[in-house]
Amino acid sequence: MQSKELLLHEIDEIPDFLIEEVLDFVQLLKSKHLQNKLEISVMSESALAEDWLRLGEDEAWREL
């Protein structure tokens, strides 16, 4: 059984009073993942900005 199928099976078996807590946890994990992606994008942008802002960079890309 694959992880997603196993997770869905576990969710089907969970008592109703725990559903909200499981949902909160899943949403927390998604939020953390999105935050990490955003942080990586911001870090990449600042690291690449040095190259993007060099003299002649616009001219080098103009013909592409």
PDB file of N, CA and C in Angstrom:
ATOM      1  N   MET A   1       0.845  -1.180   0.000  1.00  0.00           N
ATOM      2  CA  MET A   1       0.000   0.000   0.000  1.00  0.00           C
ATOM      3  C   MET A   1       0.890   1.243   0.000  1.00  0.00           C
ATOM      4  N   GLN A   2       0.604   2.182  -0.876  1.00  0.00           N
ATOM      5  CA  GLN A   2       1.386   3.408  -0.957  1.00  0.00           C
ATOM      6  C   GLN A   2       1.038   4.328   0.210  1.00  0.00           C
ATOM      7  N   SER A   3       1.927   5.262   0.459  1.00  0.00           N
ATOM      8  CA  SER A   3       1.771   6.157   1.610  1.00  0.00           C
ATOM      9  C   SER A   3       0.450   6.910   1.587  1.00  0.00           C
ATOM     10  N   LYS A   4       0.060   7.435   0.441  1.00  0.00           N
ATOM     11  CA  LYS A   4      -1.184   8.194   0.364  1.00  0.00           C
ATOM     12  C   LYS A   4      -2.386   7.309   0.672  1.00  0.00           C
ATOM     13  N   GLU A   5      -2.376   6.103   0.123  1.00  0.00           N
ATOM     14  CA  GLU A   5      -3.469   5.163   0.404  1.00  0.00           C
ATOM     15  C   GLU A   5      -3.499   4.802   1.879  1.00  0.00           C
ATOM     16  N   LEU A   6      -2.344   4.587   2.456  1.00  0.00           N
ATOM     17  CA  LEU A   6      -2.255   4.263   3.872  1.00  0.00           C
ATOM     18  C   LEU A   6      -2.772   5.418   4.726  1.00  0.00           C
ATOM     19  N   LEU A   7      -2.391   6.636   4.363  1.00  0.00           N
ATOM     20  CA  LEU A   7      -2.856   7.813   5.091  1.00  0.00           C
ATOM     21  C   LEU A   7      -4.375   7.930   5.003  1.00  0.00           C
ATOM     22  N   LEU A   8      -4.925   7.772   3.815  1.00  0.00           N
ATOM     23  CA  LEU A   8      -6.375   7.840   3.652  1.00  0.00           C
ATOM     24  C   LEU A   8      -7.077   6.760   4.466  1.00  0.00           C
ATOM     25  N   HIS A   9      -6.502   5.586   4.509  1.00  0.00           N
ATOM     26  CA  HIS A   9      -7.061   4.504   5.320  1.00  0.00           C
ATOM     27  C   HIS A   9      -7.056   4.888   6.806  1.00  0.00           C
ATOM     28  N   GLU A  10      -5.940   5.443   7.261  1.00  0.00           N
ATOM     29  CA  GLU A  10      -5.841   5.870   8.658  1.00  0.00           C
ATOM     30  C   GLU A  10      -6.851   6.962   8.974  1.00  0.00           C
ATOM     31  N   ILE A  11      -7.049   7.882   8.042  1.00  0.00           N
ATOM     32  CA  ILE A  11      -8.032   8.950   8.250  1.00  0.00           C
ATOM     33  C   ILE A  11      -9.433   8.371   8.357  1.00  0.00           C
ATOM     34  N   ASP A  12      -9.733   7.378   7.530  1.00  0.00           N
ATOM     35  CA  ASP A  12     -11.045   6.724   7.607  1.00  0.00           C
ATOM     36  C   ASP A  12     -11.273   6.055   8.960  1.00  0.00           C
ATOM     37  N   GLU A  13     -10.198   5.599   9.579  1.00  0.00           N
ATOM     38  CA  GLU A  13     -10.304   4.868  10.847  1.00  0.00           C
ATOM     39  C   GLU A  13     -10.249   5.766  12.082  1.00  0.00           C
ATOM     40  N   ILE A  14      -9.890   7.026  11.906  1.00  0.00           N
ATOM     41  CA  ILE A  14      -9.684   7.909  13.052  1.00  0.00           C
ATOM     42  C   ILE A  14     -11.024   8.306  13.683  1.00  0.00           C
ATOM     43  N   PRO A  15     -11.056   8.407  14.992  1.00  0.00           N
ATOM     44  CA  PRO A  15     -12.299   8.855  15.650  1.00  0.00           C
ATOM     45  C   PRO A  15     -12.635  10.296  15.253  1.00  0.00           C
ATOM     46  N   ASP A  16     -13.904  10.592  15.162  1.00  0.00           N
ATOM     47  CA  ASP A  16     -14.363  11.913  14.724  1.00  0.00           C
ATOM     48  C   ASP A  16     -13.778  13.054  15.545  1.00  0.00           C
ATOM     49  N   PHE A  17     -13.584  12.853  16.821  1.00  0.00           N
ATOM     50  CA  PHE A  17     -13.101  13.947  17.665  1.00  0.00           C
ATOM     51  C   PHE A  17     -11.643  14.321  17.362  1.00  0.00           C
ATOM     52  N   LEU A  18     -10.932  13.501  16.593  1.00  0.00           N
ATOM     53  CA  LEU A  18      -9.553  13.807  16.235  1.00  0.00           C
ATOM     54  C   LEU A  18      -9.405  14.401  14.829  1.00  0.00           C
ATOM     55  N   ILE A  19     -10.474  14.402  14.075  1.00  0.00           N
ATOM     56  CA  ILE A  19     -10.419  14.870  12.684  1.00  0.00           C
ATOM     57  C   ILE A  19      -9.922  16.311  12.587  1.00  0.00           C
ATOM     58  N   GLU A  20     -10.442  17.197  13.428  1.00  0.00           N
ATOM     59  CA  GLU A  20     -10.018  18.609  13.410  1.00  0.00           C
ATOM     60  C   GLU A  20      -8.527  18.733  13.666  1.00  0.00           C
ATOM     61  N   GLU A  21      -8.019  17.969  14.611  1.00  0.00           N
ATOM     62  CA  GLU A  21      -6.598  18.024  14.941  1.00  0.00           C
ATOM     63  C   GLU A  21      -5.736  17.531  13.778  1.00  0.00           C
ATOM     64  N   VAL A  22      -6.174  16.474  13.130  1.00  0.00           N
ATOM     65  CA  VAL A  22      -5.443  15.950  11.971  1.00  0.00           C
ATOM     66  C   VAL A  22      -5.463  16.979  10.841  1.00  0.00           C
ATOM     67  N   LEU A  23      -6.601  17.581  10.618  1.00  0.00           N
ATOM     68  CA  LEU A  23      -6.717  18.610   9.584  1.00  0.00           C
ATOM     69  C   LEU A  23      -5.788  19.787   9.890  1.00  0.00           C
ATOM     70  N   ASP A  24      -5.769  20.239  11.122  1.00  0.00           N
ATOM     71  CA  ASP A  24      -4.871  21.332  11.512  1.00  0.00           C
ATOM     72  C   ASP A  24      -3.417  20.961  11.246  1.00  0.00           C
ATOM     73  N   PHE A  25      -3.047  19.730  11.558  1.00  0.00           N
ATOM     74  CA  PHE A  25      -1.678  19.283  11.364  1.00  0.00           C
ATOM     75  C   PHE A  25      -1.308  19.256   9.880  1.00  0.00           C
ATOM     76  N   VAL A  26      -2.196  18.754   9.054  1.00  0.00           N
ATOM     77  CA  VAL A  26      -1.949  18.705   7.611  1.00  0.00           C
ATOM     78  C   VAL A  26      -1.804  20.123   7.058  1.00  0.00           C
ATOM     79  N   GLN A  27      -2.654  21.026   7.496  1.00  0.00           N
ATOM     80  CA  GLN A  27      -2.562  22.406   7.031  1.00  0.00           C
ATOM     81  C   GLN A  27      -1.275  23.072   7.510  1.00  0.00           C
ATOM     82  N   LEU A  28      -0.837  22.745   8.718  1.00  0.00           N
ATOM     83  CA  LEU A  28       0.436  23.260   9.223  1.00  0.00           C
ATOM     84  C   LEU A  28       1.594  22.773   8.358  1.00  0.00           C
ATOM     85  N   LEU A  29       1.595  21.501   8.014  1.00  0.00           N
ATOM     86  CA  LEU A  29       2.656  20.958   7.166  1.00  0.00           C
ATOM     87  C   LEU A  29       2.678  21.640   5.802  1.00  0.00           C
ATOM     88  N   LYS A  30       1.506  21.839   5.211  1.00  0.00           N
ATOM     89  CA  LYS A  30       1.439  22.519   3.913  1.00  0.00           C
ATOM     90  C   LYS A  30       1.954  23.943   4.021  1.00  0.00           C
ATOM     91  N   SER A  31       1.584  24.621   5.075  1.00  0.00           N
ATOM     92  CA  SER A  31       2.017  25.995   5.279  1.00  0.00           C
ATOM     93  C   SER A  31       3.532  26.078   5.437  1.00  0.00           C
ATOM     94  N   LYS A  32       4.113  25.166   6.209  1.00  0.00           N
ATOM     95  CA  LYS A  32       5.562  25.148   6.391  1.00  0.00           C
ATOM     96  C   LYS A  32       6.268  24.893   5.071  1.00  0.00           C
ATOM     97  N   HIS A  33       5.731  23.990   4.264  1.00  0.00           N
ATOM     98  CA  HIS A  33       6.321  23.673   2.961  1.00  0.00           C
ATOM     99  C   HIS A  33       6.297  24.906   2.050  1.00  0.00           C
ATOM    100  N   LEU A  34       5.157  25.595   2.011  1.00  0.00           N
ATOM    101  CA  LEU A  34       5.053  26.790   1.178  1.00  0.00           C
ATOM    102  C   LEU A  34       5.988  27.886   1.673  1.00  0.00           C
ATOM    103  N   GLN A  35       6.118  28.017   2.987  1.00  0.00           N
ATOM    104  CA  GLN A  35       7.013  29.021   3.552  1.00  0.00           C
ATOM    105  C   GLN A  35       8.463  28.724   3.160  1.00  0.00           C
ATOM    106  N   ASN A  36       8.854  27.446   3.216  1.00  0.00           N
ATOM    107  CA  ASN A  36      10.210  27.058   2.825  1.00  0.00           C
ATOM    108  C   ASN A  36      10.464  27.373   1.353  1.00  0.00           C
ATOM    109  N   LYS A  37       9.487  27.087   0.494  1.00  0.00           N
ATOM    110  CA  LYS A  37       9.644  27.393  -0.931  1.00  0.00           C
ATOM    111  C   LYS A  37       9.800  28.891  -1.147  1.00  0.00           C
ATOM    112  N   LEU A  38       9.024  29.686  -0.416  1.00  0.00           N
ATOM    113  CA  LEU A  38       9.118  31.134  -0.540  1.00  0.00           C
ATOM    114  C   LEU A  38      10.488  31.630  -0.088  1.00  0.00           C
ATOM    115  N   GLU A  39      10.974  31.123   1.033  1.00  0.00           N
ATOM    116  CA  GLU A  39      12.277  31.535   1.543  1.00  0.00           C
ATOM    117  C   GLU A  39      13.392  31.179   0.565  1.00  0.00           C
ATOM    118  N   ILE A  40      13.321  30.006  -0.034  1.00  0.00           N
ATOM    119  CA  ILE A  40      14.328  29.592  -1.018  1.00  0.00           C
ATOM    120  C   ILE A  40      14.278  30.511  -2.237  1.00  0.00           C
ATOM    121  N   SER A  41      13.072  30.865  -2.670  1.00  0.00           N
ATOM    122  CA  SER A  41      12.937  31.767  -3.818  1.00  0.00           C
ATOM    123  C   SER A  41      13.537  33.131  -3.521  1.00  0.00           C
ATOM    124  N   VAL A  42      13.281  33.642  -2.343  1.00  0.00           N
ATOM    125  CA  VAL A  42      13.812  34.948  -1.964  1.00  0.00           C
ATOM    126  C   VAL A  42      15.330  34.897  -1.884  1.00  0.00           C
ATOM    127  N   MET A  43      15.868  33.829  -1.292  1.00  0.00           N
ATOM    128  CA  MET A  43      17.323  33.698  -1.199  1.00  0.00           C
ATOM    129  C   MET A  43      17.949  33.588  -2.589  1.00  0.00           C
ATOM    130  N   SER A  44      17.316  32.835  -3.471  1.00  0.00           N
ATOM    131  CA  SER A  44      17.839  32.681  -4.828  1.00  0.00           C
ATOM    132  C   SER A  44      17.824  34.009  -5.563  1.00  0.00           C
ATOM    133  N   GLU A  45      16.756  34.763  -5.376  1.00  0.00           N
ATOM    134  CA  GLU A  45      16.638  36.040  -6.072  1.00  0.00           C
ATOM    135  C   GLU A  45      17.752  36.991  -5.657  1.00  0.00           C
ATOM    136  N   SER A  46      18.025  37.069  -4.372  1.00  0.00           N
ATOM    137  CA  SER A  46      19.070  37.994  -3.932  1.00  0.00           C
ATOM    138  C   SER A  46      20.447  37.520  -4.383  1.00  0.00           C
ATOM    139  N   ALA A  47      20.655  36.214  -4.439  1.00  0.00           N
ATOM    140  CA  ALA A  47      21.945  35.692  -4.887  1.00  0.00           C
ATOM    141  C   ALA A  47      22.145  35.929  -6.381  1.00  0.00           C
ATOM    142  N   LEU A  48      21.082  35.801  -7.144  1.00  0.00           N
ATOM    143  CA  LEU A  48      21.180  35.992  -8.590  1.00  0.00           C
ATOM    144  C   LEU A  48      21.132  37.460  -8.998  1.00  0.00           C
ATOM    145  N   ALA A  49      20.665  38.323  -8.108  1.00  0.00           N
ATOM    146  CA  ALA A  49      20.539  39.739  -8.441  1.00  0.00           C
ATOM    147  C   ALA A  49      21.882  40.343  -8.847  1.00  0.00           C
ATOM    148  N   GLU A  50      22.958  39.860  -8.249  1.00  0.00           N
ATOM    149  CA  GLU A  50      24.282  40.369  -8.605  1.00  0.00           C
ATOM    150  C   GLU A  50      24.542  40.198 -10.100  1.00  0.00           C
ATOM    151  N   ASP A  51      24.200  39.036 -10.630  1.00  0.00           N
ATOM    152  CA  ASP A  51      24.392  38.784 -12.056  1.00  0.00           C
ATOM    153  C   ASP A  51      23.399  39.589 -12.897  1.00  0.00           C
ATOM    154  N   TRP A  52      22.158  39.674 -12.427  1.00  0.00           N
ATOM    155  CA  TRP A  52      21.124  40.363 -13.196  1.00  0.00           C
ATOM    156  C   TRP A  52      21.421  41.848 -13.331  1.00  0.00           C
ATOM    157  N   LEU A  53      22.081  42.418 -12.339  1.00  0.00           N
ATOM    158  CA  LEU A  53      22.292  43.865 -12.319  1.00  0.00           C
ATOM    159  C   LEU A  53      23.636  44.291 -12.909  1.00  0.00           C
ATOM    160  N   ARG A  54      24.382  43.357 -13.456  1.00  0.00           N
ATOM    161  CA  ARG A  54      25.674  43.708 -14.057  1.00  0.00           C
ATOM    162  C   ARG A  54      25.477  44.534 -15.315  1.00  0.00           C
ATOM    163  N   LEU A  55      26.438  45.415 -15.561  1.00  0.00           N
ATOM    164  CA  LEU A  55      26.417  46.190 -16.799  1.00  0.00           C
ATOM    165  C   LEU A  55      26.505  45.224 -17.983  1.00  0.00           C
ATOM    166  N   GLY A  56      25.739  45.476 -18.980  1.00  0.00           N
ATOM    167  CA  GLY A  56      25.765  44.640 -20.176  1.00  0.00           C
ATOM    168  C   GLY A  56      24.852  43.429 -20.109  1.00  0.00           C
ATOM    169  N   GLU A  57      24.255  43.164 -18.973  1.00  0.00           N
ATOM    170  CA  GLU A  57      23.379  41.993 -18.834  1.00  0.00           C
ATOM    171  C   GLU A  57      22.147  42.127 -19.728  1.00  0.00           C
ATOM    172  N   ASP A  58      21.522  43.299 -19.738  1.00  0.00           N
ATOM    173  CA  ASP A  58      20.348  43.498 -20.597  1.00  0.00           C
ATOM    174  C   ASP A  58      20.704  43.312 -22.064  1.00  0.00           C
ATOM    175  N   GLU A  59      21.840  43.829 -22.445  1.00  0.00           N
ATOM    176  CA  GLU A  59      22.267  43.698 -23.833  1.00  0.00           C
ATOM    177  C   GLU A  59      22.523  42.234 -24.192  1.00  0.00           C
ATOM    178  N   ALA A  60      23.085  41.490 -23.294  1.00  0.00           N
ATOM    179  CA  ALA A  60      23.384  40.081 -23.539  1.00  0.00           C
ATOM    180  C   ALA A  60      22.101  39.268 -23.768  1.00  0.00           C
ATOM    181  N   TRP A  61      21.015  39.636 -23.107  1.00  0.00           N
ATOM    182  CA  TRP A  61      19.763  38.895 -23.220  1.00  0.00           C
ATOM    183  C   TRP A  61      18.827  39.452 -24.273  1.00  0.00           C
ATOM    184  N   ARG A  62      19.132  40.591 -24.819  1.00  0.00           N
ATOM    185  CA  ARG A  62      18.241  41.281 -25.739  1.00  0.00           C
ATOM    186  C   ARG A  62      17.891  40.435 -26.972  1.00  0.00           C
ATOM    187  N   GLU A  63      18.840  39.654 -27.468  1.00  0.00           N
ATOM    188  CA  GLU A  63      18.610  38.907 -28.710  1.00  0.00           C
ATOM    189  C   GLU A  63      17.996  37.531 -28.501  1.00  0.00           C
ATOM    190  N   LEU A  64      17.735  37.169 -27.290  1.00  0.00           N
ATOM    191  CA  LEU A  64      17.114  35.866 -27.034  1.00  0.00           C
ATOM    192  C   LEU A  64      15.629  35.882 -27.206  1.00  0.00           C
TER     193      LEU A  64
END
